[in-house]
Amino acid sequence: TNRVFHKKLEVAGMTQSMSRVAKCIDNGPMEGFWGILKRERYYGKRFTSRESVVKMIEEYIEYYNNKRLQRNLGVLTPMEKHDMYLHAA
């Protein structure tokens, strides 16, 4: 909600996503995702540049969405589960 931060997002061409006050429903899943990413790809590693960290994150997001099986999705990837929902609709 900080005006300076919001302006930086606008300049970068980004859209700020926020829940209503006291309704942080989207925060928990994202915190969980970043925790998994750090545990699986960040902790114990040395990165020599910002670019290498960004590349790792981009590659991990691709892996997470398309190759990482998840028990809570019925041992499917997020994209497989998403496709199932689309075909059922």
PDB file of N, CA and C in Angstrom:
ATOM      1  N   THR A   1       0.822  -1.206   0.000  1.00  0.00           N
ATOM      2  CA  THR A   1       0.000   0.000   0.000  1.00  0.00           C
ATOM      3  C   THR A   1       0.859   1.261   0.000  1.00  0.00           C
ATOM      4  N   ASN A   2       2.158   1.106   0.135  1.00  0.00           N
ATOM      5  CA  ASN A   2       3.073   2.241   0.135  1.00  0.00           C
ATOM      6  C   ASN A   2       3.061   2.904  -1.238  1.00  0.00           C
ATOM      7  N   ARG A   3       2.894   4.221  -1.270  1.00  0.00           N
ATOM      8  CA  ARG A   3       2.800   4.952  -2.542  1.00  0.00           C
ATOM      9  C   ARG A   3       4.075   4.853  -3.376  1.00  0.00           C
ATOM     10  N   VAL A   4       5.224   4.942  -2.739  1.00  0.00           N
ATOM     11  CA  VAL A   4       6.500   4.858  -3.457  1.00  0.00           C
ATOM     12  C   VAL A   4       6.640   3.479  -4.094  1.00  0.00           C
ATOM     13  N   PHE A   5       6.344   2.429  -3.329  1.00  0.00           N
ATOM     14  CA  PHE A   5       6.410   1.065  -3.840  1.00  0.00           C
ATOM     15  C   PHE A   5       5.429   0.890  -5.000  1.00  0.00           C
ATOM     16  N   HIS A   6       4.199   1.394  -4.838  1.00  0.00           N
ATOM     17  CA  HIS A   6       3.188   1.289  -5.896  1.00  0.00           C
ATOM     18  C   HIS A   6       3.659   1.988  -7.173  1.00  0.00           C
ATOM     19  N   LYS A   7       4.283   3.138  -7.053  1.00  0.00           N
ATOM     20  CA  LYS A   7       4.785   3.871  -8.220  1.00  0.00           C
ATOM     21  C   LYS A   7       5.885   3.056  -8.915  1.00  0.00           C
ATOM     22  N   LYS A   8       6.777   2.428  -8.136  1.00  0.00           N
ATOM     23  CA  LYS A   8       7.835   1.600  -8.729  1.00  0.00           C
ATOM     24  C   LYS A   8       7.235   0.437  -9.514  1.00  0.00           C
ATOM     25  N   LEU A   9       6.166  -0.145  -8.998  1.00  0.00           N
ATOM     26  CA  LEU A   9       5.502  -1.222  -9.723  1.00  0.00           C
ATOM     27  C   LEU A   9       4.935  -0.717 -11.044  1.00  0.00           C
ATOM     28  N   GLU A  10       4.293   0.445 -11.013  1.00  0.00           N
ATOM     29  CA  GLU A  10       3.735   1.026 -12.239  1.00  0.00           C
ATOM     30  C   GLU A  10       4.821   1.283 -13.274  1.00  0.00           C
ATOM     31  N   VAL A  11       5.931   1.864 -12.842  1.00  0.00           N
ATOM     32  CA  VAL A  11       7.044   2.158 -13.747  1.00  0.00           C
ATOM     33  C   VAL A  11       7.584   0.874 -14.372  1.00  0.00           C
ATOM     34  N   ALA A  12       7.597  -0.210 -13.604  1.00  0.00           N
ATOM     35  CA  ALA A  12       8.096  -1.499 -14.091  1.00  0.00           C
ATOM     36  C   ALA A  12       7.053  -2.232 -14.930  1.00  0.00           C
ATOM     37  N   GLY A  13       5.843  -1.658 -15.061  1.00  0.00           N
ATOM     38  CA  GLY A  13       4.793  -2.295 -15.846  1.00  0.00           C
ATOM     39  C   GLY A  13       4.138  -3.468 -15.125  1.00  0.00           C
ATOM     40  N   MET A  14       4.176  -3.443 -13.787  1.00  0.00           N
ATOM     41  CA  MET A  14       3.627  -4.540 -12.997  1.00  0.00           C
ATOM     42  C   MET A  14       2.311  -4.117 -12.349  1.00  0.00           C
ATOM     43  N   THR A  15       1.443  -5.097 -12.089  1.00  0.00           N
ATOM     44  CA  THR A  15       0.175  -4.850 -11.425  1.00  0.00           C
ATOM     45  C   THR A  15       0.245  -5.388 -10.013  1.00  0.00           C
ATOM     46  N   GLN A  16      -0.100  -4.555  -9.068  1.00  0.00           N
ATOM     47  CA  GLN A  16      -0.082  -4.965  -7.669  1.00  0.00           C
ATOM     48  C   GLN A  16      -1.317  -5.811  -7.378  1.00  0.00           C
ATOM     49  N   SER A  17      -1.124  -6.909  -6.686  1.00  0.00           N
ATOM     50  CA  SER A  17      -2.224  -7.796  -6.328  1.00  0.00           C
ATOM     51  C   SER A  17      -2.353  -7.818  -4.810  1.00  0.00           C
ATOM     52  N   MET A  18      -3.499  -7.417  -4.329  1.00  0.00           N
ATOM     53  CA  MET A  18      -3.717  -7.387  -2.880  1.00  0.00           C
ATOM     54  C   MET A  18      -5.120  -7.871  -2.572  1.00  0.00           C
ATOM     55  N   SER A  19      -5.240  -8.591  -1.471  1.00  0.00           N
ATOM     56  CA  SER A  19      -6.547  -9.002  -0.982  1.00  0.00           C
ATOM     57  C   SER A  19      -7.164  -7.848  -0.192  1.00  0.00           C
ATOM     58  N   ARG A  20      -8.419  -8.024   0.176  1.00  0.00           N
ATOM     59  CA  ARG A  20      -9.070  -7.029   1.028  1.00  0.00           C
ATOM     60  C   ARG A  20      -8.427  -7.041   2.408  1.00  0.00           C
ATOM     61  N   VAL A  21      -8.617  -6.000   3.162  1.00  0.00           N
ATOM     62  CA  VAL A  21      -8.075  -5.909   4.512  1.00  0.00           C
ATOM     63  C   VAL A  21      -8.580  -7.091   5.335  1.00  0.00           C
ATOM     64  N   ALA A  22      -7.655  -7.738   6.040  1.00  0.00           N
ATOM     65  CA  ALA A  22      -7.930  -8.878   6.911  1.00  0.00           C
ATOM     66  C   ALA A  22      -8.391 -10.120   6.150  1.00  0.00           C
ATOM     67  N   LYS A  23      -8.175 -10.163   4.834  1.00  0.00           N
ATOM     68  CA  LYS A  23      -8.547 -11.317   4.008  1.00  0.00           C
ATOM     69  C   LYS A  23      -7.333 -11.741   3.180  1.00  0.00           C
ATOM     70  N   CYS A  24      -6.317 -12.241   3.848  1.00  0.00           N
ATOM     71  CA  CYS A  24      -5.067 -12.552   3.153  1.00  0.00           C
ATOM     72  C   CYS A  24      -5.078 -13.967   2.573  1.00  0.00           C
ATOM     73  N   ILE A  25      -6.135 -14.330   1.887  1.00  0.00           N
ATOM     74  CA  ILE A  25      -6.324 -15.676   1.373  1.00  0.00           C
ATOM     75  C   ILE A  25      -5.239 -16.085   0.372  1.00  0.00           C
ATOM     76  N   ASP A  26      -4.729 -15.126  -0.405  1.00  0.00           N
ATOM     77  CA  ASP A  26      -3.713 -15.480  -1.406  1.00  0.00           C
ATOM     78  C   ASP A  26      -2.306 -15.518  -0.823  1.00  0.00           C
ATOM     79  N   ASN A  27      -2.089 -14.996   0.357  1.00  0.00           N
ATOM     80  CA  ASN A  27      -0.747 -14.930   0.920  1.00  0.00           C
ATOM     81  C   ASN A  27      -0.216 -16.301   1.331  1.00  0.00           C
ATOM     82  N   GLY A  28      -1.025 -17.117   1.956  1.00  0.00           N
ATOM     83  CA  GLY A  28      -0.593 -18.427   2.433  1.00  0.00           C
ATOM     84  C   GLY A  28      -0.046 -19.328   1.334  1.00  0.00           C
ATOM     85  N   PRO A  29      -0.790 -19.529   0.242  1.00  0.00           N
ATOM     86  CA  PRO A  29      -0.267 -20.368  -0.832  1.00  0.00           C
ATOM     87  C   PRO A  29       1.030 -19.831  -1.444  1.00  0.00           C
ATOM     88  N   MET A  30       1.153 -18.529  -1.588  1.00  0.00           N
ATOM     89  CA  MET A  30       2.385 -17.973  -2.161  1.00  0.00           C
ATOM     90  C   MET A  30       3.552 -18.113  -1.199  1.00  0.00           C
ATOM     91  N   GLU A  31       3.315 -17.903   0.085  1.00  0.00           N
ATOM     92  CA  GLU A  31       4.381 -18.111   1.068  1.00  0.00           C
ATOM     93  C   GLU A  31       4.834 -19.564   1.033  1.00  0.00           C
ATOM     94  N   GLY A  32       3.880 -20.490   0.893  1.00  0.00           N
ATOM     95  CA  GLY A  32       4.213 -21.908   0.793  1.00  0.00           C
ATOM     96  C   GLY A  32       5.061 -22.201  -0.430  1.00  0.00           C
ATOM     97  N   PHE A  33       4.682 -21.612  -1.582  1.00  0.00           N
ATOM     98  CA  PHE A  33       5.437 -21.819  -2.817  1.00  0.00           C
ATOM     99  C   PHE A  33       6.874 -21.333  -2.656  1.00  0.00           C
ATOM    100  N   TRP A  34       7.055 -20.120  -2.119  1.00  0.00           N
ATOM    101  CA  TRP A  34       8.418 -19.588  -1.971  1.00  0.00           C
ATOM    102  C   TRP A  34       9.227 -20.425  -0.988  1.00  0.00           C
ATOM    103  N   GLY A  35       8.561 -20.966   0.030  1.00  0.00           N
ATOM    104  CA  GLY A  35       9.258 -21.853   0.958  1.00  0.00           C
ATOM    105  C   GLY A  35       9.743 -23.118   0.274  1.00  0.00           C
ATOM    106  N   ILE A  36       8.909 -23.705  -0.583  1.00  0.00           N
ATOM    107  CA  ILE A  36       9.299 -24.902  -1.339  1.00  0.00           C
ATOM    108  C   ILE A  36      10.453 -24.573  -2.273  1.00  0.00           C
ATOM    109  N   LEU A  37      10.350 -23.462  -3.001  1.00  0.00           N
ATOM    110  CA  LEU A  37      11.410 -23.067  -3.930  1.00  0.00           C
ATOM    111  C   LEU A  37      12.737 -22.903  -3.183  1.00  0.00           C
ATOM    112  N   LYS A  38      12.715 -22.216  -2.060  1.00  0.00           N
ATOM    113  CA  LYS A  38      13.960 -22.008  -1.308  1.00  0.00           C
ATOM    114  C   LYS A  38      14.528 -23.323  -0.801  1.00  0.00           C
ATOM    115  N   ARG A  39      13.673 -24.201  -0.317  1.00  0.00           N
ATOM    116  CA  ARG A  39      14.130 -25.482   0.202  1.00  0.00           C
ATOM    117  C   ARG A  39      14.719 -26.360  -0.912  1.00  0.00           C
ATOM    118  N   GLU A  40      14.076 -26.359  -2.084  1.00  0.00           N
ATOM    119  CA  GLU A  40      14.496 -27.249  -3.168  1.00  0.00           C
ATOM    120  C   GLU A  40      15.600 -26.679  -4.058  1.00  0.00           C
ATOM    121  N   ARG A  41      15.704 -25.344  -4.166  1.00  0.00           N
ATOM    122  CA  ARG A  41      16.645 -24.781  -5.135  1.00  0.00           C
ATOM    123  C   ARG A  41      17.574 -23.680  -4.618  1.00  0.00           C
ATOM    124  N   TYR A  42      17.304 -23.130  -3.430  1.00  0.00           N
ATOM    125  CA  TYR A  42      18.067 -21.964  -2.995  1.00  0.00           C
ATOM    126  C   TYR A  42      19.025 -22.261  -1.843  1.00  0.00           C
ATOM    127  N   TYR A  43      18.513 -22.846  -0.763  1.00  0.00           N
ATOM    128  CA  TYR A  43      19.354 -23.088   0.405  1.00  0.00           C
ATOM    129  C   TYR A  43      20.527 -24.002   0.056  1.00  0.00           C
ATOM    130  N   GLY A  44      21.706 -23.630   0.518  1.00  0.00           N
ATOM    131  CA  GLY A  44      22.907 -24.415   0.273  1.00  0.00           C
ATOM    132  C   GLY A  44      23.582 -24.132  -1.053  1.00  0.00           C
ATOM    133  N   LYS A  45      23.020 -23.228  -1.848  1.00  0.00           N
ATOM    134  CA  LYS A  45      23.591 -22.889  -3.153  1.00  0.00           C
ATOM    135  C   LYS A  45      24.257 -21.520  -3.077  1.00  0.00           C
ATOM    136  N   ARG A  46      25.197 -21.290  -3.965  1.00  0.00           N
ATOM    137  CA  ARG A  46      25.829 -19.968  -4.094  1.00  0.00           C
ATOM    138  C   ARG A  46      25.497 -19.410  -5.473  1.00  0.00           C
ATOM    139  N   PHE A  47      24.979 -18.209  -5.494  1.00  0.00           N
ATOM    140  CA  PHE A  47      24.663 -17.546  -6.746  1.00  0.00           C
ATOM    141  C   PHE A  47      25.629 -16.378  -6.914  1.00  0.00           C
ATOM    142  N   THR A  48      26.182 -16.255  -8.098  1.00  0.00           N
ATOM    143  CA  THR A  48      27.205 -15.238  -8.330  1.00  0.00           C
ATOM    144  C   THR A  48      26.650 -13.942  -8.911  1.00  0.00           C
ATOM    145  N   SER A  49      25.364 -13.962  -9.296  1.00  0.00           N
ATOM    146  CA  SER A  49      24.779 -12.748  -9.864  1.00  0.00           C
ATOM    147  C   SER A  49      23.268 -12.765  -9.689  1.00  0.00           C
ATOM    148  N   ARG A  50      22.696 -11.596  -9.815  1.00  0.00           N
ATOM    149  CA  ARG A  50      21.233 -11.478  -9.766  1.00  0.00           C
ATOM    150  C   ARG A  50      20.619 -12.275 -10.904  1.00  0.00           C
ATOM    151  N   GLU A  51      21.256 -12.209 -12.071  1.00  0.00           N
ATOM    152  CA  GLU A  51      20.744 -12.903 -13.255  1.00  0.00           C
ATOM    153  C   GLU A  51      20.655 -14.407 -13.023  1.00  0.00           C
ATOM    154  N   SER A  52      21.643 -14.973 -12.315  1.00  0.00           N
ATOM    155  CA  SER A  52      21.608 -16.421 -12.076  1.00  0.00           C
ATOM    156  C   SER A  52      20.475 -16.797 -11.130  1.00  0.00           C
ATOM    157  N   VAL A  53      20.150 -15.923 -10.179  1.00  0.00           N
ATOM    158  CA  VAL A  53      19.025 -16.186  -9.276  1.00  0.00           C
ATOM    159  C   VAL A  53      17.714 -16.085 -10.045  1.00  0.00           C
ATOM    160  N   VAL A  54      17.580 -15.054 -10.877  1.00  0.00           N
ATOM    161  CA  VAL A  54      16.366 -14.888 -11.682  1.00  0.00           C
ATOM    162  C   VAL A  54      16.179 -16.088 -12.603  1.00  0.00           C
ATOM    163  N   LYS A  55      17.246 -16.538 -13.229  1.00  0.00           N
ATOM    164  CA  LYS A  55      17.171 -17.707 -14.125  1.00  0.00           C
ATOM    165  C   LYS A  55      16.731 -18.941 -13.357  1.00  0.00           C
ATOM    166  N   MET A  56      17.286 -19.151 -12.168  1.00  0.00           N
ATOM    167  CA  MET A  56      16.905 -20.289 -11.342  1.00  0.00           C
ATOM    168  C   MET A  56      15.420 -20.235 -11.002  1.00  0.00           C
ATOM    169  N   ILE A  57      14.927 -19.053 -10.633  1.00  0.00           N
ATOM    170  CA  ILE A  57      13.517 -18.910 -10.274  1.00  0.00           C
ATOM    171  C   ILE A  57      12.633 -19.194 -11.480  1.00  0.00           C
ATOM    172  N   GLU A  58      12.978 -18.636 -12.634  1.00  0.00           N
ATOM    173  CA  GLU A  58      12.182 -18.874 -13.841  1.00  0.00           C
ATOM    174  C   GLU A  58      12.148 -20.358 -14.204  1.00  0.00           C
ATOM    175  N   GLU A  59      13.300 -21.007 -14.134  1.00  0.00           N
ATOM    176  CA  GLU A  59      13.361 -22.437 -14.440  1.00  0.00           C
ATOM    177  C   GLU A  59      12.583 -23.260 -13.419  1.00  0.00           C
ATOM    178  N   TYR A  60      12.628 -22.852 -12.150  1.00  0.00           N
ATOM    179  CA  TYR A  60      11.900 -23.587 -11.121  1.00  0.00           C
ATOM    180  C   TYR A  60      10.393 -23.448 -11.314  1.00  0.00           C
ATOM    181  N   ILE A  61       9.927 -22.260 -11.649  1.00  0.00           N
ATOM    182  CA  ILE A  61       8.497 -22.060 -11.878  1.00  0.00           C
ATOM    183  C   ILE A  61       8.025 -22.951 -13.026  1.00  0.00           C
ATOM    184  N   GLU A  62       8.808 -23.037 -14.087  1.00  0.00           N
ATOM    185  CA  GLU A  62       8.480 -23.934 -15.211  1.00  0.00           C
ATOM    186  C   GLU A  62       8.415 -25.382 -14.733  1.00  0.00           C
ATOM    187  N   TYR A  63       9.419 -25.805 -13.967  1.00  0.00           N
ATOM    188  CA  TYR A  63       9.458 -27.163 -13.411  1.00  0.00           C
ATOM    189  C   TYR A  63       8.265 -27.407 -12.482  1.00  0.00           C
ATOM    190  N   TYR A  64       8.010 -26.482 -11.576  1.00  0.00           N
ATOM    191  CA  TYR A  64       6.941 -26.624 -10.590  1.00  0.00           C
ATOM    192  C   TYR A  64       5.583 -26.788 -11.271  1.00  0.00           C
ATOM    193  N   ASN A  65       5.331 -25.986 -12.283  1.00  0.00           N
ATOM    194  CA  ASN A  65       4.029 -26.021 -12.954  1.00  0.00           C
ATOM    195  C   ASN A  65       3.854 -27.216 -13.880  1.00  0.00           C
ATOM    196  N   ASN A  66       4.930 -27.686 -14.502  1.00  0.00           N
ATOM    197  CA  ASN A  66       4.801 -28.677 -15.570  1.00  0.00           C
ATOM    198  C   ASN A  66       5.397 -30.050 -15.288  1.00  0.00           C
ATOM    199  N   LYS A  67       6.239 -30.186 -14.262  1.00  0.00           N
ATOM    200  CA  LYS A  67       6.895 -31.471 -14.033  1.00  0.00           C
ATOM    201  C   LYS A  67       6.823 -31.976 -12.600  1.00  0.00           C
ATOM    202  N   ARG A  68       6.662 -31.098 -11.634  1.00  0.00           N
ATOM    203  CA  ARG A  68       6.689 -31.494 -10.218  1.00  0.00           C
ATOM    204  C   ARG A  68       5.336 -32.066  -9.804  1.00  0.00           C
ATOM    205  N   LEU A  69       5.305 -33.371  -9.555  1.00  0.00           N
ATOM    206  CA  LEU A  69       4.073 -34.034  -9.130  1.00  0.00           C
ATOM    207  C   LEU A  69       3.728 -33.630  -7.704  1.00  0.00           C
ATOM    208  N   GLN A  70       2.424 -33.464  -7.450  1.00  0.00           N
ATOM    209  CA  GLN A  70       1.977 -33.032  -6.130  1.00  0.00           C
ATOM    210  C   GLN A  70       0.878 -33.959  -5.619  1.00  0.00           C
ATOM    211  N   ARG A  71       1.108 -34.505  -4.445  1.00  0.00           N
ATOM    212  CA  ARG A  71       0.135 -35.424  -3.855  1.00  0.00           C
ATOM    213  C   ARG A  71      -1.231 -34.783  -3.665  1.00  0.00           C
ATOM    214  N   ASN A  72      -1.247 -33.536  -3.218  1.00  0.00           N
ATOM    215  CA  ASN A  72      -2.537 -32.886  -2.952  1.00  0.00           C
ATOM    216  C   ASN A  72      -3.321 -32.597  -4.234  1.00  0.00           C
ATOM    217  N   LEU A  73      -2.710 -32.807  -5.390  1.00  0.00           N
ATOM    218  CA  LEU A  73      -3.406 -32.668  -6.685  1.00  0.00           C
ATOM    219  C   LEU A  73      -3.664 -34.034  -7.307  1.00  0.00           C
ATOM    220  N   GLY A  74      -3.577 -35.092  -6.509  1.00  0.00           N
ATOM    221  CA  GLY A  74      -3.805 -36.432  -7.034  1.00  0.00           C
ATOM    222  C   GLY A  74      -2.612 -36.969  -7.805  1.00  0.00           C
ATOM    223  N   VAL A  75      -1.421 -36.618  -7.381  1.00  0.00           N
ATOM    224  CA  VAL A  75      -0.147 -36.997  -8.016  1.00  0.00           C
ATOM    225  C   VAL A  75      -0.125 -36.530  -9.473  1.00  0.00           C
ATOM    226  N   LEU A  76      -0.508 -35.278  -9.655  1.00  0.00           N
ATOM    227  CA  LEU A  76      -0.461 -34.606 -10.956  1.00  0.00           C
ATOM    228  C   LEU A  76       0.356 -33.333 -10.813  1.00  0.00           C
ATOM    229  N   THR A  77       0.754 -32.765 -11.933  1.00  0.00           N
ATOM    230  CA  THR A  77       1.373 -31.447 -11.907  1.00  0.00           C
ATOM    231  C   THR A  77       0.265 -30.398 -11.852  1.00  0.00           C
ATOM    232  N   PRO A  78       0.582 -29.169 -11.445  1.00  0.00           N
ATOM    233  CA  PRO A  78      -0.451 -28.123 -11.460  1.00  0.00           C
ATOM    234  C   PRO A  78      -1.086 -27.934 -12.836  1.00  0.00           C
ATOM    235  N   MET A  79      -0.299 -28.014 -13.900  1.00  0.00           N
ATOM    236  CA  MET A  79      -0.871 -27.830 -15.239  1.00  0.00           C
ATOM    237  C   MET A  79      -1.754 -29.004 -15.647  1.00  0.00           C
ATOM    238  N   GLU A  80      -1.391 -30.221 -15.254  1.00  0.00           N
ATOM    239  CA  GLU A  80      -2.257 -31.369 -15.542  1.00  0.00           C
ATOM    240  C   GLU A  80      -3.597 -31.204 -14.838  1.00  0.00           C
ATOM    241  N   LYS A  81      -3.565 -30.768 -13.581  1.00  0.00           N
ATOM    242  CA  LYS A  81      -4.802 -30.543 -12.832  1.00  0.00           C
ATOM    243  C   LYS A  81      -5.626 -29.431 -13.470  1.00  0.00           C
ATOM    244  N   HIS A  82      -4.949 -28.372 -13.880  1.00  0.00           N
ATOM    245  CA  HIS A  82      -5.622 -27.245 -14.545  1.00  0.00           C
ATOM    246  C   HIS A  82      -6.305 -27.716 -15.826  1.00  0.00           C
ATOM    247  N   ASP A  83      -5.595 -28.502 -16.628  1.00  0.00           N
ATOM    248  CA  ASP A  83      -6.167 -29.023 -17.881  1.00  0.00           C
ATOM    249  C   ASP A  83      -7.388 -29.909 -17.612  1.00  0.00           C
ATOM    250  N   MET A  84      -7.334 -30.689 -16.533  1.00  0.00           N
ATOM    251  CA  MET A  84      -8.476 -31.531 -16.183  1.00  0.00           C
ATOM    252  C   MET A  84      -9.708 -30.664 -15.893  1.00  0.00           C
ATOM    253  N   TYR A  85      -9.506 -29.562 -15.160  1.00  0.00           N
ATOM    254  CA  TYR A  85     -10.613 -28.652 -14.868  1.00  0.00           C
ATOM    255  C   TYR A  85     -11.174 -28.034 -16.151  1.00  0.00           C
ATOM    256  N   LEU A  86     -10.285 -27.655 -17.080  1.00  0.00           N
ATOM    257  CA  LEU A  86     -10.746 -27.056 -18.336  1.00  0.00           C
ATOM    258  C   LEU A  86     -11.570 -28.035 -19.163  1.00  0.00           C
ATOM    259  N   HIS A  87     -11.137 -29.289 -19.199  1.00  0.00           N
ATOM    260  CA  HIS A  87     -11.853 -30.288 -19.989  1.00  0.00           C
ATOM    261  C   HIS A  87     -13.176 -30.699 -19.340  1.00  0.00           C
ATOM    262  N   ALA A  88     -13.268 -30.563 -18.023  1.00  0.00           N
ATOM    263  CA  ALA A  88     -14.503 -30.908 -17.320  1.00  0.00           C
ATOM    264  C   ALA A  88     -15.557 -29.822 -17.474  1.00  0.00           C
ATOM    265  N   ALA A  89     -15.120 -28.598 -17.745  1.00  0.00           N
ATOM    266  CA  ALA A  89     -16.064 -27.461 -17.831  1.00  0.00           C
ATOM    267  C   ALA A  89     -16.842 -27.449 -19.113  1.00  0.00           C
TER     268      ALA A  89
END
